[in-house]
Amino acid sequence: MSSLPVCVSRVPIFAGLTPVEQREVHDVARPRRLPDGETVYVEGDRVASLLVVNSGRLRLTRSSPDGGEHLLRVLDAGDFIGVESFLTGATPGHTATAMGATVLCEFRHADLQPLLDAHPGVGVAMLATLATQLSRTEERLTAQTLAPVERRLVGYLLDLPAQPHADGLLIELPLSKKDIASYLGTTPESLSRSLRALADAGIVESRGKRELLVRDAAALDDLVR
C-alpha cells in the first residue's frame, strides 16, 4: 500500500526516529481494510496489535448500564490505539468500530518488541502518549460530572477547527448531534436545548445538520472562563 508510510510519519511515538528507522517501522506494518460499521474489537477482547488509522475513522464506545453505548472518542487519520494493551497486557474497556470505509495499519505486538529493543525512545514516547490520553480522559470525565451541558458543549465547540466567514467563524461538526451528545455525556434533547440557548443569545447559528456559524466568538469563549 503506497500510502502506508503515513502510518509512521503521522504518529507521535515514531516522530523521533530517523527516516531510515521509520522505514524499518513501516516494513512491519500490515494493512487492514474495514467496511463501514465493522467491529475491530469489543470490550474485553485480547488485543495483540497497535492499530493506526491510515484513512477513514474509528469510533470508540463503551457499554452503559442501561444497555446503550457511550461515545468515548473518534479516531482520525494518524490516531492510534493499542498502546496500553502492548505495554501492560490490559484488555480494552471499549469497543472499536469503523466509521465509513477505513484502512488501518496493524503493528503486531510481536513485531513491535524488537523495534523497541532497538529504539528505546519509542517506548518512552508510548508511555508519554498513554499518560496524555489518561489525563485528557480524566479532564473530560470531571467536566461531564461537574459542568453543565452548555459549558461542555461550548468547550467541545472551541476545540474544533473553524474557518473564517463573513459573519464570523464556520465550524463543521465532525459528528452527528446524537454522537456529540453521547460524547459529552448528555442526551440529544439536552444538547438541542443548549444549542438553542446559544442561538437565542446570538452567539451561534445552525447552518444545516453539520455546520455551525459562530457569530460571537468572544462571547462563546467567555462561557468557559
N, C-alpha and C. Protein backbone atom coordinates (compact mmCIF):
# COMPACT_ATOMS: atom_id res chain seq x y z
N MET A 1 0.86 -1.19 0.00
CA MET A 1 0.00 0.00 0.00
C MET A 1 0.90 1.23 0.00
N SER A 2 0.83 2.02 -1.03
CA SER A 2 1.77 3.12 -1.22
C SER A 2 1.66 4.18 -0.14
N SER A 3 0.49 4.35 0.46
CA SER A 3 0.30 5.39 1.47
C SER A 3 0.63 4.92 2.87
N LEU A 4 1.12 3.71 3.01
CA LEU A 4 1.38 3.14 4.32
C LEU A 4 2.33 3.96 5.18
N PRO A 5 3.38 4.62 4.62
CA PRO A 5 4.28 5.42 5.45
C PRO A 5 3.57 6.49 6.25
N VAL A 6 2.37 6.92 5.82
CA VAL A 6 1.59 7.89 6.59
C VAL A 6 1.39 7.39 8.00
N CYS A 7 1.23 6.07 8.15
CA CYS A 7 1.01 5.48 9.46
C CYS A 7 2.21 5.66 10.38
N VAL A 8 3.35 5.90 9.80
CA VAL A 8 4.55 6.12 10.60
C VAL A 8 4.80 7.61 10.78
N SER A 9 4.73 8.36 9.69
CA SER A 9 5.10 9.78 9.73
C SER A 9 4.14 10.61 10.56
N ARG A 10 2.87 10.20 10.66
CA ARG A 10 1.89 10.99 11.40
C ARG A 10 1.80 10.63 12.89
N VAL A 11 2.43 9.55 13.29
CA VAL A 11 2.25 9.06 14.65
C VAL A 11 3.34 9.60 15.56
N PRO A 12 2.96 10.31 16.64
CA PRO A 12 3.96 10.95 17.51
C PRO A 12 5.00 9.99 18.08
N ILE A 13 4.61 8.75 18.37
CA ILE A 13 5.56 7.84 19.01
C ILE A 13 6.71 7.46 18.08
N PHE A 14 6.53 7.67 16.77
CA PHE A 14 7.60 7.38 15.81
C PHE A 14 8.31 8.64 15.32
N ALA A 15 7.91 9.80 15.84
CA ALA A 15 8.43 11.07 15.32
C ALA A 15 9.92 11.25 15.56
N GLY A 16 10.45 10.64 16.62
CA GLY A 16 11.86 10.82 16.94
C GLY A 16 12.80 9.93 16.16
N LEU A 17 12.26 9.09 15.29
CA LEU A 17 13.09 8.18 14.51
C LEU A 17 13.61 8.85 13.24
N THR A 18 14.74 8.40 12.78
CA THR A 18 15.27 8.89 11.50
C THR A 18 14.44 8.31 10.36
N PRO A 19 14.54 8.87 9.15
CA PRO A 19 13.82 8.31 8.01
C PRO A 19 14.11 6.82 7.79
N VAL A 20 15.36 6.42 7.99
CA VAL A 20 15.72 5.01 7.81
C VAL A 20 15.03 4.16 8.87
N GLU A 21 15.00 4.66 10.11
CA GLU A 21 14.35 3.91 11.20
C GLU A 21 12.84 3.87 11.00
N GLN A 22 12.27 4.97 10.50
CA GLN A 22 10.84 4.97 10.21
C GLN A 22 10.50 3.95 9.13
N ARG A 23 11.40 3.77 8.18
CA ARG A 23 11.18 2.76 7.14
C ARG A 23 11.18 1.36 7.76
N GLU A 24 12.02 1.12 8.76
CA GLU A 24 12.02 -0.17 9.45
C GLU A 24 10.65 -0.42 10.10
N VAL A 25 10.10 0.63 10.72
CA VAL A 25 8.79 0.50 11.34
C VAL A 25 7.73 0.23 10.27
N HIS A 26 7.81 0.98 9.19
CA HIS A 26 6.84 0.83 8.10
C HIS A 26 6.85 -0.59 7.54
N ASP A 27 8.02 -1.20 7.49
CA ASP A 27 8.15 -2.52 6.87
C ASP A 27 7.43 -3.62 7.65
N VAL A 28 7.15 -3.39 8.93
CA VAL A 28 6.44 -4.43 9.70
C VAL A 28 4.94 -4.15 9.80
N ALA A 29 4.49 -3.05 9.20
CA ALA A 29 3.06 -2.71 9.24
C ALA A 29 2.29 -3.57 8.25
N ARG A 30 1.07 -3.93 8.64
CA ARG A 30 0.20 -4.72 7.78
C ARG A 30 -1.08 -3.94 7.54
N PRO A 31 -1.50 -3.77 6.28
CA PRO A 31 -2.75 -3.05 6.01
C PRO A 31 -3.96 -3.87 6.42
N ARG A 32 -4.96 -3.19 6.93
CA ARG A 32 -6.22 -3.85 7.32
C ARG A 32 -7.37 -2.95 6.88
N ARG A 33 -8.17 -3.43 5.94
CA ARG A 33 -9.26 -2.64 5.37
C ARG A 33 -10.58 -3.03 6.02
N LEU A 34 -11.36 -2.02 6.40
CA LEU A 34 -12.62 -2.26 7.10
C LEU A 34 -13.76 -1.55 6.38
N PRO A 35 -14.89 -2.21 6.17
CA PRO A 35 -16.07 -1.52 5.66
C PRO A 35 -16.75 -0.75 6.78
N ASP A 36 -17.64 0.15 6.42
CA ASP A 36 -18.37 0.93 7.41
C ASP A 36 -19.09 0.01 8.40
N GLY A 37 -18.94 0.30 9.68
CA GLY A 37 -19.65 -0.44 10.71
C GLY A 37 -18.98 -1.71 11.19
N GLU A 38 -17.86 -2.09 10.59
CA GLU A 38 -17.20 -3.33 11.03
C GLU A 38 -16.51 -3.11 12.37
N THR A 39 -16.66 -4.09 13.24
CA THR A 39 -16.05 -4.02 14.57
C THR A 39 -14.61 -4.50 14.52
N VAL A 40 -13.72 -3.70 15.09
CA VAL A 40 -12.31 -4.08 15.16
C VAL A 40 -12.09 -5.01 16.34
N TYR A 41 -12.63 -4.63 17.48
CA TYR A 41 -12.64 -5.48 18.67
C TYR A 41 -13.71 -4.95 19.61
N VAL A 42 -14.09 -5.77 20.59
CA VAL A 42 -15.10 -5.36 21.56
C VAL A 42 -14.47 -5.30 22.95
N GLU A 43 -15.16 -4.67 23.87
CA GLU A 43 -14.68 -4.55 25.24
C GLU A 43 -14.25 -5.91 25.78
N GLY A 44 -13.07 -5.96 26.36
CA GLY A 44 -12.61 -7.19 26.98
C GLY A 44 -11.86 -8.14 26.06
N ASP A 45 -11.84 -7.85 24.75
CA ASP A 45 -11.08 -8.68 23.82
C ASP A 45 -9.58 -8.57 24.10
N ARG A 46 -8.86 -9.61 23.77
CA ARG A 46 -7.40 -9.53 23.83
C ARG A 46 -6.93 -8.87 22.54
N VAL A 47 -6.20 -7.77 22.68
CA VAL A 47 -5.70 -7.03 21.52
C VAL A 47 -4.20 -7.27 21.39
N ALA A 48 -3.79 -7.77 20.24
CA ALA A 48 -2.39 -8.15 20.05
C ALA A 48 -1.68 -7.25 19.05
N SER A 49 -2.25 -6.07 18.78
CA SER A 49 -1.66 -5.18 17.77
C SER A 49 -1.81 -3.72 18.18
N LEU A 50 -0.87 -2.91 17.73
CA LEU A 50 -1.02 -1.46 17.73
C LEU A 50 -1.68 -1.10 16.41
N LEU A 51 -2.77 -0.36 16.45
CA LEU A 51 -3.55 -0.04 15.26
C LEU A 51 -3.52 1.45 15.00
N VAL A 52 -3.10 1.83 13.81
CA VAL A 52 -3.02 3.23 13.40
C VAL A 52 -4.02 3.47 12.28
N VAL A 53 -4.79 4.55 12.38
CA VAL A 53 -5.74 4.89 11.32
C VAL A 53 -4.97 5.53 10.17
N ASN A 54 -4.99 4.88 9.01
CA ASN A 54 -4.33 5.43 7.83
C ASN A 54 -5.30 6.32 7.05
N SER A 55 -6.55 5.89 6.94
CA SER A 55 -7.61 6.70 6.32
C SER A 55 -8.94 6.26 6.91
N GLY A 56 -9.92 7.15 6.86
CA GLY A 56 -11.21 6.86 7.49
C GLY A 56 -11.19 7.23 8.96
N ARG A 57 -12.08 6.60 9.73
CA ARG A 57 -12.20 6.93 11.16
C ARG A 57 -12.63 5.71 11.95
N LEU A 58 -12.32 5.73 13.24
CA LEU A 58 -12.80 4.72 14.18
C LEU A 58 -13.55 5.40 15.31
N ARG A 59 -14.63 4.78 15.76
CA ARG A 59 -15.33 5.26 16.95
C ARG A 59 -15.10 4.29 18.09
N LEU A 60 -14.79 4.85 19.25
CA LEU A 60 -14.58 4.05 20.45
C LEU A 60 -15.76 4.27 21.38
N THR A 61 -16.44 3.19 21.73
CA THR A 61 -17.64 3.28 22.57
C THR A 61 -17.53 2.33 23.75
N ARG A 62 -18.29 2.65 24.79
CA ARG A 62 -18.35 1.80 25.98
C ARG A 62 -19.81 1.53 26.30
N SER A 63 -20.11 0.31 26.69
CA SER A 63 -21.48 -0.04 27.05
C SER A 63 -21.90 0.70 28.32
N SER A 64 -23.13 1.18 28.33
CA SER A 64 -23.66 1.86 29.51
C SER A 64 -24.56 0.90 30.28
N PRO A 65 -24.79 1.15 31.57
CA PRO A 65 -25.60 0.24 32.38
C PRO A 65 -27.01 0.00 31.85
N ASP A 66 -27.56 0.98 31.11
CA ASP A 66 -28.91 0.83 30.59
C ASP A 66 -28.97 0.09 29.26
N GLY A 67 -27.82 -0.46 28.83
CA GLY A 67 -27.79 -1.22 27.59
C GLY A 67 -27.44 -0.41 26.37
N GLY A 68 -27.27 0.90 26.52
CA GLY A 68 -26.89 1.74 25.40
C GLY A 68 -25.38 1.80 25.26
N GLU A 69 -24.90 2.80 24.54
CA GLU A 69 -23.46 2.96 24.39
C GLU A 69 -23.08 4.43 24.56
N HIS A 70 -21.90 4.63 25.08
CA HIS A 70 -21.38 5.98 25.31
C HIS A 70 -20.17 6.18 24.42
N LEU A 71 -20.19 7.24 23.62
CA LEU A 71 -19.08 7.53 22.72
C LEU A 71 -17.92 8.13 23.51
N LEU A 72 -16.78 7.47 23.47
CA LEU A 72 -15.60 7.94 24.20
C LEU A 72 -14.70 8.82 23.36
N ARG A 73 -14.55 8.45 22.10
CA ARG A 73 -13.57 9.14 21.26
C ARG A 73 -13.75 8.74 19.81
N VAL A 74 -13.38 9.63 18.90
CA VAL A 74 -13.34 9.32 17.47
C VAL A 74 -11.91 9.49 17.00
N LEU A 75 -11.38 8.47 16.35
CA LEU A 75 -10.00 8.50 15.87
C LEU A 75 -9.99 8.85 14.39
N ASP A 76 -9.14 9.80 14.02
CA ASP A 76 -8.95 10.20 12.63
C ASP A 76 -7.60 9.69 12.13
N ALA A 77 -7.28 10.00 10.87
CA ALA A 77 -6.02 9.55 10.28
C ALA A 77 -4.83 10.00 11.13
N GLY A 78 -3.96 9.07 11.45
CA GLY A 78 -2.79 9.35 12.29
C GLY A 78 -2.99 9.00 13.75
N ASP A 79 -4.25 8.86 14.19
CA ASP A 79 -4.52 8.45 15.57
C ASP A 79 -4.30 6.94 15.70
N PHE A 80 -4.10 6.48 16.92
CA PHE A 80 -3.79 5.07 17.11
C PHE A 80 -4.33 4.56 18.44
N ILE A 81 -4.49 3.25 18.53
CA ILE A 81 -4.94 2.57 19.74
C ILE A 81 -4.12 1.30 19.91
N GLY A 82 -4.12 0.79 21.13
CA GLY A 82 -3.43 -0.46 21.40
C GLY A 82 -2.15 -0.30 22.19
N VAL A 83 -1.80 0.95 22.55
CA VAL A 83 -0.56 1.17 23.31
C VAL A 83 -0.66 0.53 24.69
N GLU A 84 -1.79 0.76 25.38
CA GLU A 84 -1.94 0.23 26.73
C GLU A 84 -1.88 -1.30 26.73
N SER A 85 -2.54 -1.92 25.74
CA SER A 85 -2.51 -3.38 25.65
C SER A 85 -1.09 -3.89 25.45
N PHE A 86 -0.32 -3.15 24.64
CA PHE A 86 1.06 -3.56 24.38
C PHE A 86 1.93 -3.41 25.62
N LEU A 87 1.79 -2.30 26.32
CA LEU A 87 2.66 -2.02 27.46
C LEU A 87 2.30 -2.80 28.70
N THR A 88 1.00 -3.04 28.92
CA THR A 88 0.56 -3.65 30.18
C THR A 88 -0.17 -4.98 30.01
N GLY A 89 -0.58 -5.30 28.78
CA GLY A 89 -1.36 -6.51 28.57
C GLY A 89 -2.82 -6.35 28.92
N ALA A 90 -3.24 -5.13 29.27
CA ALA A 90 -4.64 -4.88 29.65
C ALA A 90 -5.56 -5.06 28.45
N THR A 91 -6.78 -5.53 28.72
CA THR A 91 -7.78 -5.62 27.66
C THR A 91 -8.52 -4.29 27.57
N PRO A 92 -8.97 -3.90 26.39
CA PRO A 92 -9.61 -2.59 26.24
C PRO A 92 -10.96 -2.52 26.94
N GLY A 93 -11.25 -1.35 27.50
CA GLY A 93 -12.54 -1.11 28.13
C GLY A 93 -13.51 -0.44 27.19
N HIS A 94 -13.34 -0.67 25.90
CA HIS A 94 -14.19 -0.04 24.90
C HIS A 94 -14.27 -0.93 23.67
N THR A 95 -15.22 -0.61 22.79
CA THR A 95 -15.36 -1.29 21.50
C THR A 95 -14.94 -0.33 20.40
N ALA A 96 -14.19 -0.82 19.42
CA ALA A 96 -13.73 0.00 18.30
C ALA A 96 -14.45 -0.43 17.03
N THR A 97 -15.04 0.55 16.33
CA THR A 97 -15.84 0.28 15.13
C THR A 97 -15.48 1.26 14.04
N ALA A 98 -15.47 0.80 12.79
CA ALA A 98 -15.15 1.67 11.66
C ALA A 98 -16.30 2.62 11.38
N MET A 99 -15.95 3.89 11.13
CA MET A 99 -16.92 4.90 10.69
C MET A 99 -16.64 5.17 9.21
N GLY A 100 -17.42 4.57 8.33
CA GLY A 100 -17.13 4.66 6.92
C GLY A 100 -16.01 3.70 6.56
N ALA A 101 -15.69 3.62 5.26
CA ALA A 101 -14.58 2.76 4.82
C ALA A 101 -13.29 3.24 5.47
N THR A 102 -12.58 2.34 6.12
CA THR A 102 -11.41 2.70 6.91
C THR A 102 -10.25 1.75 6.62
N VAL A 103 -9.06 2.31 6.57
CA VAL A 103 -7.85 1.50 6.40
C VAL A 103 -6.96 1.70 7.62
N LEU A 104 -6.59 0.61 8.26
CA LEU A 104 -5.71 0.65 9.41
C LEU A 104 -4.34 0.10 9.03
N CYS A 105 -3.33 0.54 9.75
CA CYS A 105 -2.01 -0.08 9.71
C CYS A 105 -1.87 -0.86 11.01
N GLU A 106 -1.62 -2.13 10.89
CA GLU A 106 -1.55 -3.01 12.05
C GLU A 106 -0.10 -3.37 12.34
N PHE A 107 0.32 -3.05 13.56
CA PHE A 107 1.66 -3.41 14.02
C PHE A 107 1.50 -4.46 15.12
N ARG A 108 1.78 -5.70 14.80
CA ARG A 108 1.61 -6.75 15.79
C ARG A 108 2.62 -6.57 16.93
N HIS A 109 2.14 -6.84 18.14
CA HIS A 109 3.00 -6.65 19.30
C HIS A 109 4.30 -7.44 19.19
N ALA A 110 4.21 -8.63 18.62
CA ALA A 110 5.41 -9.46 18.49
C ALA A 110 6.45 -8.81 17.57
N ASP A 111 5.95 -8.01 16.60
CA ASP A 111 6.87 -7.31 15.69
C ASP A 111 7.38 -6.01 16.30
N LEU A 112 6.59 -5.41 17.20
CA LEU A 112 6.98 -4.14 17.80
C LEU A 112 8.09 -4.30 18.83
N GLN A 113 8.09 -5.42 19.55
CA GLN A 113 9.06 -5.58 20.64
C GLN A 113 10.50 -5.45 20.17
N PRO A 114 10.90 -6.10 19.06
CA PRO A 114 12.28 -5.91 18.59
C PRO A 114 12.59 -4.46 18.23
N LEU A 115 11.58 -3.73 17.72
CA LEU A 115 11.79 -2.32 17.40
C LEU A 115 12.05 -1.50 18.66
N LEU A 116 11.31 -1.81 19.73
CA LEU A 116 11.52 -1.10 20.98
C LEU A 116 12.87 -1.43 21.59
N ASP A 117 13.29 -2.68 21.43
CA ASP A 117 14.62 -3.06 21.93
C ASP A 117 15.71 -2.26 21.22
N ALA A 118 15.49 -2.01 19.92
CA ALA A 118 16.49 -1.27 19.14
C ALA A 118 16.36 0.23 19.31
N HIS A 119 15.14 0.70 19.59
CA HIS A 119 14.89 2.15 19.69
C HIS A 119 14.09 2.43 20.98
N PRO A 120 14.74 2.46 22.13
CA PRO A 120 14.04 2.64 23.41
C PRO A 120 13.20 3.92 23.47
N GLY A 121 13.57 4.93 22.68
CA GLY A 121 12.82 6.18 22.70
C GLY A 121 11.37 6.00 22.30
N VAL A 122 11.09 4.99 21.47
CA VAL A 122 9.71 4.73 21.07
C VAL A 122 8.89 4.30 22.28
N GLY A 123 9.48 3.47 23.14
CA GLY A 123 8.77 3.04 24.34
C GLY A 123 8.50 4.20 25.28
N VAL A 124 9.47 5.10 25.42
CA VAL A 124 9.27 6.29 26.25
C VAL A 124 8.14 7.14 25.69
N ALA A 125 8.11 7.30 24.36
CA ALA A 125 7.05 8.07 23.72
C ALA A 125 5.69 7.42 23.92
N MET A 126 5.65 6.08 23.91
CA MET A 126 4.40 5.37 24.16
C MET A 126 3.87 5.69 25.56
N LEU A 127 4.76 5.66 26.55
CA LEU A 127 4.35 5.97 27.92
C LEU A 127 3.84 7.40 28.03
N ALA A 128 4.51 8.33 27.37
CA ALA A 128 4.08 9.72 27.40
C ALA A 128 2.71 9.87 26.74
N THR A 129 2.50 9.17 25.63
CA THR A 129 1.21 9.22 24.95
C THR A 129 0.11 8.67 25.83
N LEU A 130 0.38 7.55 26.48
CA LEU A 130 -0.61 6.93 27.36
C LEU A 130 -0.95 7.86 28.51
N ALA A 131 0.05 8.51 29.09
CA ALA A 131 -0.19 9.44 30.19
C ALA A 131 -1.04 10.62 29.74
N THR A 132 -0.77 11.13 28.53
CA THR A 132 -1.56 12.25 28.00
C THR A 132 -3.01 11.84 27.78
N GLN A 133 -3.22 10.65 27.22
CA GLN A 133 -4.58 10.18 26.98
C GLN A 133 -5.34 10.01 28.29
N LEU A 134 -4.68 9.47 29.30
CA LEU A 134 -5.33 9.29 30.60
C LEU A 134 -5.68 10.64 31.22
N SER A 135 -4.79 11.61 31.08
CA SER A 135 -5.05 12.95 31.62
C SER A 135 -6.25 13.60 30.94
N ARG A 136 -6.31 13.48 29.61
CA ARG A 136 -7.43 14.07 28.88
C ARG A 136 -8.74 13.39 29.24
N THR A 137 -8.69 12.07 29.39
CA THR A 137 -9.90 11.34 29.78
C THR A 137 -10.38 11.79 31.15
N GLU A 138 -9.45 11.95 32.08
CA GLU A 138 -9.81 12.39 33.43
C GLU A 138 -10.43 13.79 33.40
N GLU A 139 -9.85 14.68 32.60
CA GLU A 139 -10.39 16.04 32.48
C GLU A 139 -11.81 16.02 31.93
N ARG A 140 -12.03 15.19 30.90
CA ARG A 140 -13.36 15.16 30.29
C ARG A 140 -14.39 14.54 31.23
N LEU A 141 -13.99 13.48 31.95
CA LEU A 141 -14.92 12.87 32.90
C LEU A 141 -15.26 13.83 34.03
N THR A 142 -14.28 14.61 34.47
CA THR A 142 -14.54 15.62 35.50
C THR A 142 -15.51 16.66 35.00
N ALA A 143 -15.31 17.11 33.76
CA ALA A 143 -16.21 18.10 33.17
C ALA A 143 -17.62 17.55 33.04
N GLN A 144 -17.74 16.28 32.65
CA GLN A 144 -19.06 15.69 32.50
C GLN A 144 -19.77 15.54 33.84
N THR A 145 -18.99 15.38 34.89
CA THR A 145 -19.58 15.22 36.22
C THR A 145 -19.98 16.56 36.82
N LEU A 146 -19.17 17.59 36.62
CA LEU A 146 -19.37 18.86 37.31
C LEU A 146 -19.94 19.97 36.45
N ALA A 147 -19.64 19.98 35.17
CA ALA A 147 -20.02 21.11 34.32
C ALA A 147 -21.42 20.93 33.74
N PRO A 148 -22.18 22.03 33.62
CA PRO A 148 -23.49 21.94 32.96
C PRO A 148 -23.31 21.62 31.48
N VAL A 149 -24.38 21.15 30.86
CA VAL A 149 -24.31 20.71 29.47
C VAL A 149 -23.82 21.83 28.55
N GLU A 150 -24.31 23.04 28.77
CA GLU A 150 -23.92 24.14 27.89
C GLU A 150 -22.42 24.38 27.94
N ARG A 151 -21.84 24.30 29.11
CA ARG A 151 -20.38 24.51 29.24
C ARG A 151 -19.62 23.39 28.54
N ARG A 152 -20.10 22.15 28.67
CA ARG A 152 -19.45 21.03 27.98
C ARG A 152 -19.51 21.25 26.47
N LEU A 153 -20.67 21.68 26.00
CA LEU A 153 -20.85 21.91 24.56
C LEU A 153 -19.93 23.01 24.07
N VAL A 154 -19.86 24.10 24.80
CA VAL A 154 -19.00 25.22 24.39
C VAL A 154 -17.54 24.79 24.35
N GLY A 155 -17.10 24.05 25.36
CA GLY A 155 -15.72 23.55 25.36
C GLY A 155 -15.44 22.67 24.15
N TYR A 156 -16.41 21.84 23.80
CA TYR A 156 -16.27 20.97 22.63
C TYR A 156 -16.15 21.80 21.35
N LEU A 157 -17.02 22.80 21.21
CA LEU A 157 -17.01 23.63 20.00
C LEU A 157 -15.70 24.40 19.87
N LEU A 158 -15.19 24.89 20.99
CA LEU A 158 -13.94 25.66 20.95
C LEU A 158 -12.74 24.81 20.55
N ASP A 159 -12.84 23.51 20.75
CA ASP A 159 -11.74 22.61 20.38
C ASP A 159 -11.76 22.24 18.90
N LEU A 160 -12.85 22.54 18.20
CA LEU A 160 -12.97 22.18 16.79
C LEU A 160 -12.33 23.24 15.90
N PRO A 161 -11.76 22.84 14.77
CA PRO A 161 -11.21 23.83 13.83
C PRO A 161 -12.32 24.69 13.24
N ALA A 162 -12.03 25.97 13.04
CA ALA A 162 -13.02 26.90 12.49
C ALA A 162 -12.43 27.65 11.31
N GLN A 163 -13.29 27.94 10.33
CA GLN A 163 -12.87 28.67 9.14
C GLN A 163 -13.44 30.09 9.18
N PRO A 164 -12.64 31.10 8.82
CA PRO A 164 -13.16 32.47 8.77
C PRO A 164 -14.35 32.57 7.82
N HIS A 165 -15.34 33.36 8.23
CA HIS A 165 -16.56 33.55 7.44
C HIS A 165 -16.93 35.02 7.53
N ALA A 166 -17.66 35.50 6.53
CA ALA A 166 -18.05 36.92 6.52
C ALA A 166 -18.82 37.31 7.77
N ASP A 167 -19.56 36.36 8.34
CA ASP A 167 -20.38 36.65 9.52
C ASP A 167 -19.81 36.09 10.81
N GLY A 168 -18.58 35.60 10.78
CA GLY A 168 -18.00 35.05 11.99
C GLY A 168 -17.04 33.92 11.69
N LEU A 169 -17.23 32.79 12.36
CA LEU A 169 -16.41 31.60 12.16
C LEU A 169 -17.32 30.42 11.84
N LEU A 170 -16.94 29.62 10.85
CA LEU A 170 -17.75 28.48 10.46
C LEU A 170 -17.11 27.20 10.96
N ILE A 171 -17.89 26.41 11.70
CA ILE A 171 -17.42 25.14 12.24
C ILE A 171 -18.16 24.00 11.55
N GLU A 172 -17.41 23.04 11.06
CA GLU A 172 -18.01 21.82 10.51
C GLU A 172 -18.01 20.76 11.61
N LEU A 173 -19.19 20.32 12.00
CA LEU A 173 -19.29 19.33 13.06
C LEU A 173 -18.87 17.97 12.53
N PRO A 174 -17.90 17.31 13.15
CA PRO A 174 -17.41 16.03 12.64
C PRO A 174 -18.31 14.85 12.97
N LEU A 175 -19.27 15.08 13.88
CA LEU A 175 -20.15 14.01 14.32
C LEU A 175 -21.60 14.44 14.21
N SER A 176 -22.49 13.46 14.21
CA SER A 176 -23.91 13.78 14.28
C SER A 176 -24.22 14.34 15.67
N LYS A 177 -25.31 15.06 15.79
CA LYS A 177 -25.67 15.62 17.11
C LYS A 177 -25.91 14.52 18.13
N LYS A 178 -26.42 13.37 17.68
CA LYS A 178 -26.60 12.24 18.59
C LYS A 178 -25.26 11.77 19.15
N ASP A 179 -24.25 11.68 18.28
CA ASP A 179 -22.92 11.24 18.73
C ASP A 179 -22.25 12.30 19.61
N ILE A 180 -22.46 13.57 19.28
CA ILE A 180 -21.90 14.64 20.11
C ILE A 180 -22.49 14.57 21.51
N ALA A 181 -23.80 14.35 21.59
CA ALA A 181 -24.46 14.23 22.89
C ALA A 181 -23.87 13.06 23.68
N SER A 182 -23.68 11.93 23.01
CA SER A 182 -23.10 10.77 23.68
C SER A 182 -21.69 11.06 24.17
N TYR A 183 -20.90 11.72 23.33
CA TYR A 183 -19.52 12.06 23.68
C TYR A 183 -19.48 12.99 24.89
N LEU A 184 -20.44 13.91 24.98
CA LEU A 184 -20.47 14.88 26.08
C LEU A 184 -21.19 14.35 27.31
N GLY A 185 -21.68 13.12 27.23
CA GLY A 185 -22.34 12.52 28.38
C GLY A 185 -23.70 13.11 28.68
N THR A 186 -24.45 13.45 27.63
CA THR A 186 -25.78 14.01 27.81
C THR A 186 -26.74 13.38 26.81
N THR A 187 -27.94 13.91 26.71
CA THR A 187 -28.93 13.39 25.78
C THR A 187 -29.05 14.32 24.58
N PRO A 188 -29.53 13.81 23.44
CA PRO A 188 -29.74 14.69 22.28
C PRO A 188 -30.67 15.85 22.59
N GLU A 189 -31.67 15.61 23.45
CA GLU A 189 -32.62 16.67 23.79
C GLU A 189 -31.93 17.79 24.57
N SER A 190 -31.09 17.42 25.53
CA SER A 190 -30.37 18.43 26.30
C SER A 190 -29.38 19.19 25.43
N LEU A 191 -28.75 18.48 24.51
CA LEU A 191 -27.83 19.14 23.59
C LEU A 191 -28.57 20.15 22.72
N SER A 192 -29.73 19.76 22.21
CA SER A 192 -30.52 20.66 21.37
C SER A 192 -30.95 21.91 22.13
N ARG A 193 -31.31 21.73 23.40
CA ARG A 193 -31.70 22.90 24.21
C ARG A 193 -30.52 23.85 24.40
N SER A 194 -29.35 23.30 24.61
CA SER A 194 -28.16 24.14 24.79
C SER A 194 -27.82 24.88 23.50
N LEU A 195 -27.94 24.20 22.37
CA LEU A 195 -27.69 24.86 21.08
C LEU A 195 -28.69 25.98 20.83
N ARG A 196 -29.95 25.72 21.19
CA ARG A 196 -30.98 26.76 21.01
C ARG A 196 -30.70 27.96 21.90
N ALA A 197 -30.23 27.70 23.12
CA ALA A 197 -29.91 28.80 24.03
C ALA A 197 -28.78 29.66 23.47
N LEU A 198 -27.78 29.01 22.89
CA LEU A 198 -26.67 29.76 22.28
C LEU A 198 -27.15 30.54 21.06
N ALA A 199 -28.07 29.94 20.30
CA ALA A 199 -28.61 30.62 19.12
C ALA A 199 -29.48 31.80 19.53
N ASP A 200 -30.30 31.60 20.57
CA ASP A 200 -31.18 32.69 21.04
C ASP A 200 -30.37 33.87 21.57
N ALA A 201 -29.17 33.57 22.07
CA ALA A 201 -28.30 34.64 22.59
C ALA A 201 -27.51 35.32 21.47
N GLY A 202 -27.69 34.84 20.25
CA GLY A 202 -26.99 35.44 19.11
C GLY A 202 -25.54 35.03 18.99
N ILE A 203 -25.16 33.96 19.70
CA ILE A 203 -23.76 33.54 19.70
C ILE A 203 -23.46 32.60 18.54
N VAL A 204 -24.38 31.68 18.26
CA VAL A 204 -24.18 30.73 17.15
C VAL A 204 -25.43 30.69 16.29
N GLU A 205 -25.25 30.13 15.11
CA GLU A 205 -26.38 29.94 14.19
C GLU A 205 -26.18 28.61 13.46
N SER A 206 -27.20 27.77 13.48
CA SER A 206 -27.11 26.48 12.81
C SER A 206 -27.20 26.68 11.30
N ARG A 207 -26.30 26.01 10.58
CA ARG A 207 -26.29 26.06 9.11
C ARG A 207 -26.40 24.64 8.58
N GLY A 208 -27.52 24.01 8.77
CA GLY A 208 -27.68 22.62 8.35
C GLY A 208 -27.30 21.66 9.46
N LYS A 209 -27.26 20.36 9.13
CA LYS A 209 -27.02 19.34 10.14
C LYS A 209 -25.59 19.34 10.66
N ARG A 210 -24.63 19.72 9.83
CA ARG A 210 -23.24 19.56 10.23
C ARG A 210 -22.44 20.85 10.23
N GLU A 211 -23.09 22.00 10.11
CA GLU A 211 -22.36 23.27 10.13
C GLU A 211 -22.95 24.21 11.17
N LEU A 212 -22.06 24.93 11.83
CA LEU A 212 -22.46 25.88 12.85
C LEU A 212 -21.67 27.16 12.64
N LEU A 213 -22.39 28.28 12.56
CA LEU A 213 -21.74 29.58 12.41
C LEU A 213 -21.62 30.23 13.77
N VAL A 214 -20.40 30.53 14.17
CA VAL A 214 -20.17 31.25 15.43
C VAL A 214 -20.18 32.73 15.11
N ARG A 215 -21.23 33.42 15.54
CA ARG A 215 -21.36 34.86 15.26
C ARG A 215 -20.60 35.71 16.27
N ASP A 216 -20.45 35.21 17.48
CA ASP A 216 -19.76 35.98 18.53
C ASP A 216 -18.76 35.07 19.23
N ALA A 217 -17.56 34.98 18.67
CA ALA A 217 -16.54 34.08 19.23
C ALA A 217 -16.11 34.50 20.63
N ALA A 218 -16.05 35.80 20.89
CA ALA A 218 -15.65 36.27 22.22
C ALA A 218 -16.65 35.85 23.28
N ALA A 219 -17.93 35.96 22.95
CA ALA A 219 -18.97 35.56 23.90
C ALA A 219 -18.93 34.06 24.15
N LEU A 220 -18.64 33.29 23.10
CA LEU A 220 -18.54 31.84 23.25
C LEU A 220 -17.38 31.49 24.18
N ASP A 221 -16.26 32.14 23.98
CA ASP A 221 -15.08 31.89 24.81
C ASP A 221 -15.33 32.29 26.26
N ASP A 222 -16.09 33.36 26.47
CA ASP A 222 -16.37 33.82 27.84
C ASP A 222 -17.17 32.80 28.63
N LEU A 223 -17.93 31.95 27.94
CA LEU A 223 -18.79 30.99 28.63
C LEU A 223 -18.01 29.88 29.33
N VAL A 224 -16.74 29.71 28.98
CA VAL A 224 -15.95 28.67 29.64
C VAL A 224 -14.90 29.26 30.57
N ARG A 225 -14.94 30.55 30.76
CA ARG A 225 -13.96 31.19 31.65
C ARG A 225 -14.55 31.36 33.06
